[in-house]
Amino acid sequence: MRPHAGIGRATAKLFAGKGYFVGLLDVQADGLRSVASELGVGRCVSVSLDVTNADAVKKAIESVVAAGDTEQLDALVLCAGICREALFDEVALPVHAATIDVNFKGAVHCIYSALPALQRAGTSHIVSIASTTAHYGLPEYPVYGATKAAIRALTEALNLEFERFGIQVRHNVGFTASLLF
């Protein structure tokens, strides 16, 4: 799922329509520019980045927070992901590795980098996109499902840990990706 397509685009439009300043992060700059033009000047910022690069994620989130002019994030919605539908042995090892890096490590990078701005909000939310494959294994989705199960476990643990900061952490199936504040 991408913030510039389908559910991501609709969610960005929904939040912008409710008055939120929306930060869009994705590897595909052209798609981001398309959504940004739909949302309008002053309603969003878009940053093209690779979520597997922790330094790039940190800089992108700092850029989004600075553009929002509040030094805080009310919500972080995560759904950067790779999903390759194929039998395990039909997928090259580098694709499996990229799936793990984007789907799980990317989420960790985003949460870690956004945490200070989420804490400053007082009450904030992290929503991570899970999948039905997080609950049970499906043929042709073994590594994708494993990453979504890891996201689900991370989300549940962080909900308990981040309660002390006033941050609610939830997983959802079929939501979207955007930084929202």
Foldseek 3Di string as FASTA:
>chain_A
DALLDDQNLVQLQVQLVVPWQWEGEEQDPVSQVVSDVVSDPLRYYYDHDQLLDLVSLLVSLVVRCVSRVPLAFQEFEDDFADFFQDAPVVDDPVSLVSRLSRLAVSVVSNCVSRVVRHLVVQAHEYEYEAAVLLVDPDGRGHSNSVSSVVVQVVQVVVCVVCVVSNYHGYYHHPHYGIGID
